[in-house]
Amino acid sequence: MKAQATPRLYKEVAAKLLHEIQSGNYAIGARLPAERDLAVKYDVSRPVIREAIIALEVQGLVDVRVGSGVYVHSTTGQTSTPAGNVSAIELTEARLLIEAEVAALAASQITDEELAELESLVVQIEQENKTVGGKEEADAAFHLAIARATKNSALVENVERLWELRNTSREAALLHEKARHANIKPVVDEHTAILRAMQERDPAAARNAMRTHLLQVLDSLLFATEQRAVDEARRTVQAKRERYSQLTA
């Protein structure tokens, strides 16, 4: 008998929220409870609630209004269930498992020409970071170059697929966009550490450097969702200060 995969927790929460919306508990135009209240209600962490909201947002079911909250936009999205594509958190977890081992293998196989390519791409990453609205193309090229250095076409295909999902999965693309808006960009020092491990042809160091980098990516994605909440709170406080100033002027 084939084992059934357990749904990710955020998808379960998104399904419950969708059920409440479709049951009429939250009418079109209604604001959903605050993130902290939903976290208590469903007994999950706030990052899980954020992922669930993103799953609903990409389906057109809710509108996330900065400084105001999350509002019901429709009772039926692009599908009748929350988005089933890969979230940015899921995707980065998969990259963490796969690309760390890819880096280890690449370190033992990489050529001088491939090392020169990686070194050039690190410089390009730094240049893209200084460009407003940069597309992070050098970052993708860096990781794909490491995959090719393994000389294993199956691994290359897997890493290419992961990066394709990063750009085509609505949930993943949305959270990465939020990260860019929070001014989160590829960290040059982390890519430099991966490059140095490759130059030393040290598989263990390459694995650790890639793991460190992708763990930081995970932290950054969580920060991007948290930053939005922080920004909203700051705007609310500022609005209250301005109202108070008018009253006491």
Protein backbone atom coordinates (compact mmCIF):
# COMPACT_ATOMS: atom_id res chain seq x y z
CA MET A 1 0.00 0.00 0.00
CA LYS A 2 1.36 3.37 -1.00
CA ALA A 3 2.09 5.72 1.91
CA GLN A 4 0.20 9.01 1.89
CA ALA A 5 2.21 12.17 2.39
CA THR A 6 1.24 14.27 5.38
CA PRO A 7 0.12 17.76 4.29
CA ARG A 8 2.28 20.62 5.44
CA LEU A 9 0.81 22.33 8.50
CA TYR A 10 0.33 25.68 6.76
CA LYS A 11 -1.75 23.96 4.07
CA GLU A 12 -3.99 22.44 6.75
CA VAL A 13 -4.48 25.90 8.28
CA ALA A 14 -5.14 27.42 4.83
CA ALA A 15 -7.77 24.74 4.19
CA LYS A 16 -9.46 25.52 7.52
CA LEU A 17 -9.48 29.25 6.76
CA LEU A 18 -10.88 28.56 3.31
CA HIS A 19 -13.64 26.43 4.86
CA GLU A 20 -14.53 29.26 7.22
CA ILE A 21 -14.62 31.74 4.34
CA GLN A 22 -16.79 29.48 2.22
CA SER A 23 -19.05 28.73 5.19
CA GLY A 24 -19.77 32.43 5.58
CA ASN A 25 -17.92 32.91 8.87
CA TYR A 26 -15.89 35.60 7.12
CA ALA A 27 -17.88 37.47 4.48
CA ILE A 28 -16.40 39.15 1.44
CA GLY A 29 -14.86 42.41 2.60
CA ALA A 30 -14.48 41.19 6.18
CA ARG A 31 -11.13 41.43 7.90
CA LEU A 32 -9.64 38.21 9.21
CA PRO A 33 -8.56 38.07 12.87
CA ALA A 34 -5.06 39.27 13.69
CA GLU A 35 -2.17 36.91 13.04
CA ARG A 36 -1.56 36.32 16.74
CA ASP A 37 -5.24 35.47 17.28
CA LEU A 38 -5.26 33.00 14.40
CA ALA A 39 -2.09 31.41 15.76
CA VAL A 40 -3.83 30.85 19.10
CA LYS A 41 -7.03 29.63 17.46
CA TYR A 42 -5.30 27.00 15.34
CA ASP A 43 -2.55 26.28 17.88
CA VAL A 44 0.28 26.95 15.45
CA SER A 45 3.15 29.40 15.19
CA ARG A 46 2.79 32.80 13.56
CA PRO A 47 5.08 31.82 10.62
CA VAL A 48 2.62 29.00 9.83
CA ILE A 49 -0.22 31.54 9.76
CA ARG A 50 1.80 33.76 7.42
CA GLU A 51 2.39 30.89 5.00
CA ALA A 52 -1.31 29.99 5.12
CA ILE A 53 -2.29 33.58 4.33
CA ILE A 54 0.13 33.61 1.38
CA ALA A 55 -1.47 30.38 0.12
CA LEU A 56 -4.85 32.12 0.16
CA GLU A 57 -3.46 35.37 -1.24
CA VAL A 58 -2.02 33.78 -4.39
CA GLN A 59 -5.42 32.21 -5.06
CA GLY A 60 -7.12 35.60 -4.97
CA LEU A 61 -9.12 34.66 -1.87
CA VAL A 62 -7.76 37.40 0.39
CA ASP A 63 -6.15 40.81 0.05
CA VAL A 64 -3.24 41.70 2.31
CA ARG A 65 -3.39 45.44 2.93
CA VAL A 66 -0.26 46.84 4.50
CA GLY A 67 -1.03 48.67 7.70
CA SER A 68 -4.62 47.45 7.77
CA GLY A 69 -4.87 43.65 7.76
CA VAL A 70 -6.06 40.70 5.71
CA TYR A 71 -9.46 41.00 4.02
CA VAL A 72 -11.62 38.40 2.30
CA HIS A 73 -11.66 39.11 -1.42
CA SER A 74 -13.50 36.09 -2.80
CA THR A 75 -15.02 32.80 -1.70
CA THR A 76 -13.63 30.99 -4.73
CA GLY A 77 -10.06 31.42 -5.91
CA GLN A 78 -8.30 30.13 -8.97
CA THR A 79 -9.03 26.65 -7.62
CA SER A 80 -11.54 25.45 -5.02
CA THR A 81 -8.76 24.65 -2.56
CA PRO A 82 -5.79 26.64 -1.33
CA ALA A 83 -2.78 26.75 -3.61
CA GLY A 84 -1.15 23.35 -3.92
CA ASN A 85 2.14 24.57 -5.28
CA VAL A 86 5.38 24.75 -3.35
CA SER A 87 5.90 27.43 -0.73
CA ALA A 88 9.19 29.32 -0.42
CA ILE A 89 9.85 27.64 2.93
CA GLU A 90 9.27 24.14 1.54
CA LEU A 91 11.40 24.91 -1.48
CA THR A 92 14.31 26.22 0.58
CA GLU A 93 14.15 23.18 2.86
CA ALA A 94 14.44 20.98 -0.24
CA ARG A 95 17.35 23.06 -1.50
CA LEU A 96 19.04 22.72 1.87
CA LEU A 97 18.92 18.93 1.66
CA ILE A 98 19.85 18.62 -2.01
CA GLU A 99 22.21 21.50 -2.74
CA ALA A 100 24.37 20.85 0.31
CA GLU A 101 25.21 17.38 -1.01
CA VAL A 102 25.54 18.73 -4.54
CA ALA A 103 28.14 21.19 -3.27
CA ALA A 104 30.05 18.41 -1.51
CA LEU A 105 30.23 16.33 -4.69
CA ALA A 106 31.06 19.35 -6.85
CA ALA A 107 34.02 20.21 -4.60
CA SER A 108 35.65 16.91 -5.50
CA GLN A 109 34.95 17.21 -9.24
CA ILE A 110 35.25 20.92 -10.06
CA THR A 111 37.71 22.13 -12.68
CA ASP A 112 39.82 25.30 -12.72
CA GLU A 113 37.62 26.72 -15.47
CA GLU A 114 34.49 26.12 -13.38
CA LEU A 115 36.13 27.76 -10.38
CA ALA A 116 36.89 30.81 -12.49
CA GLU A 117 33.22 30.92 -13.53
CA LEU A 118 32.10 30.79 -9.87
CA GLU A 119 34.52 33.56 -8.94
CA SER A 120 33.12 35.75 -11.73
CA LEU A 121 29.55 35.03 -10.62
CA VAL A 122 30.31 36.13 -7.04
CA VAL A 123 31.44 39.49 -8.46
CA GLN A 124 28.21 39.66 -10.50
CA ILE A 125 26.11 38.91 -7.40
CA GLU A 126 27.72 41.88 -5.67
CA GLN A 127 27.00 44.08 -8.71
CA GLU A 128 23.37 42.94 -8.89
CA ASN A 129 22.92 43.76 -5.22
CA LYS A 130 23.82 47.36 -6.02
CA THR A 131 21.30 47.51 -8.87
CA VAL A 132 17.80 48.70 -8.01
CA GLY A 133 15.30 46.02 -8.94
CA GLY A 134 18.02 43.42 -9.62
CA LYS A 135 16.71 40.03 -10.69
CA GLU A 136 19.26 37.87 -8.85
CA GLU A 137 20.23 36.11 -12.09
CA ALA A 138 23.85 35.71 -10.99
CA ASP A 139 22.69 34.00 -7.79
CA ALA A 140 20.81 31.38 -9.79
CA ALA A 141 23.72 30.97 -12.20
CA PHE A 142 26.10 30.42 -9.27
CA HIS A 143 24.07 27.55 -7.85
CA LEU A 144 23.46 25.97 -11.25
CA ALA A 145 27.17 26.17 -12.05
CA ILE A 146 27.92 24.19 -8.88
CA ALA A 147 25.38 21.57 -9.93
CA ARG A 148 27.03 21.23 -13.35
CA ALA A 149 30.40 20.82 -11.66
CA THR A 150 29.19 17.50 -10.19
CA LYS A 151 29.23 16.01 -13.73
CA ASN A 152 25.95 14.31 -12.76
CA SER A 153 23.08 15.15 -15.10
CA ALA A 154 20.42 13.88 -12.68
CA LEU A 155 21.62 16.31 -10.00
CA VAL A 156 21.79 19.15 -12.52
CA GLU A 157 18.20 18.45 -13.52
CA ASN A 158 17.07 18.43 -9.89
CA VAL A 159 18.73 21.74 -9.06
CA GLU A 160 17.37 23.31 -12.25
CA ARG A 161 13.88 22.16 -11.24
CA LEU A 162 14.24 23.68 -7.77
CA TRP A 163 15.17 27.04 -9.28
CA GLU A 164 12.37 26.78 -11.80
CA LEU A 165 9.92 26.27 -8.92
CA ARG A 166 11.39 29.29 -7.15
CA ASN A 167 10.29 31.42 -10.09
CA THR A 168 7.07 29.70 -11.16
CA SER A 169 5.43 28.59 -7.91
CA ARG A 170 3.04 31.41 -7.01
CA GLU A 171 3.56 30.96 -3.28
CA ALA A 172 7.35 30.84 -3.55
CA ALA A 173 7.48 33.77 -5.95
CA LEU A 174 5.24 35.88 -3.69
CA LEU A 175 7.34 35.38 -0.56
CA HIS A 176 10.61 35.98 -2.42
CA GLU A 177 9.07 39.18 -3.77
CA LYS A 178 8.22 40.23 -0.22
CA ALA A 179 11.82 39.47 0.75
CA ARG A 180 13.12 41.73 -2.02
CA HIS A 181 10.77 44.49 -0.87
CA ALA A 182 12.29 44.06 2.60
CA ASN A 183 15.67 44.68 0.91
CA ILE A 184 16.86 41.11 1.49
CA LYS A 185 19.45 40.20 -1.15
CA PRO A 186 21.90 37.34 -1.77
CA VAL A 187 24.75 37.63 0.75
CA VAL A 188 28.10 37.93 -1.00
CA ASP A 189 30.09 36.66 2.00
CA GLU A 190 28.07 33.43 2.08
CA HIS A 191 28.69 32.79 -1.61
CA THR A 192 32.36 33.65 -1.13
CA ALA A 193 32.61 31.01 1.62
CA ILE A 194 31.12 28.41 -0.75
CA LEU A 195 33.61 29.48 -3.44
CA ARG A 196 36.57 29.15 -1.07
CA ALA A 197 35.52 25.63 -0.08
CA MET A 198 35.31 24.77 -3.78
CA GLN A 199 38.75 26.27 -4.40
CA GLU A 200 40.14 24.11 -1.60
CA ARG A 201 38.28 21.14 -3.11
CA ASP A 202 37.02 20.31 0.38
CA PRO A 203 33.67 18.44 0.21
CA ALA A 204 32.91 18.79 3.95
CA ALA A 205 33.61 22.52 3.93
CA ALA A 206 31.54 22.97 0.77
CA ARG A 207 28.61 21.09 2.30
CA ASN A 208 28.78 23.18 5.49
CA ALA A 209 29.11 26.47 3.59
CA MET A 210 26.08 25.67 1.43
CA ARG A 211 24.06 24.58 4.45
CA THR A 212 24.98 27.77 6.31
CA HIS A 213 23.94 29.85 3.29
CA LEU A 214 20.58 28.15 2.81
CA LEU A 215 19.77 28.23 6.53
CA GLN A 216 20.29 31.99 6.31
CA VAL A 217 17.95 32.09 3.31
CA LEU A 218 15.30 30.36 5.45
CA ASP A 219 15.83 32.90 8.24
CA SER A 220 15.57 35.74 5.73
CA LEU A 221 12.26 34.48 4.36
CA LEU A 222 10.85 34.29 7.87
CA PHE A 223 12.21 37.78 8.55
CA ALA A 224 10.47 39.07 5.40
CA THR A 225 7.09 37.97 6.72
CA GLU A 226 7.88 39.28 10.20
CA GLN A 227 9.16 42.57 8.80
CA ARG A 228 5.81 43.23 7.17
CA ALA A 229 4.11 42.85 10.54
CA VAL A 230 6.72 45.11 12.17
CA ASP A 231 6.26 47.77 9.48
CA GLU A 232 2.50 47.67 9.96
CA ALA A 233 2.90 48.12 13.73
CA ARG A 234 5.28 51.06 13.20
CA ARG A 235 2.84 52.75 10.86
CA THR A 236 0.03 52.30 13.37
CA VAL A 237 2.14 53.82 16.15
CA GLN A 238 3.16 56.73 13.91
CA ALA A 239 -0.47 57.42 12.98
CA LYS A 240 -1.40 57.50 16.66
CA ARG A 241 1.45 59.90 17.39
CA GLU A 242 0.31 62.23 14.62
CA ARG A 243 -3.27 62.19 15.90
CA TYR A 244 -2.06 62.88 19.43
CA SER A 245 0.10 65.76 18.18
CA GLN A 246 -2.91 67.32 16.49
CA LEU A 247 -4.95 67.07 19.66
CA THR A 248 -2.26 68.69 21.81
CA ALA A 249 -1.14 71.35 19.31
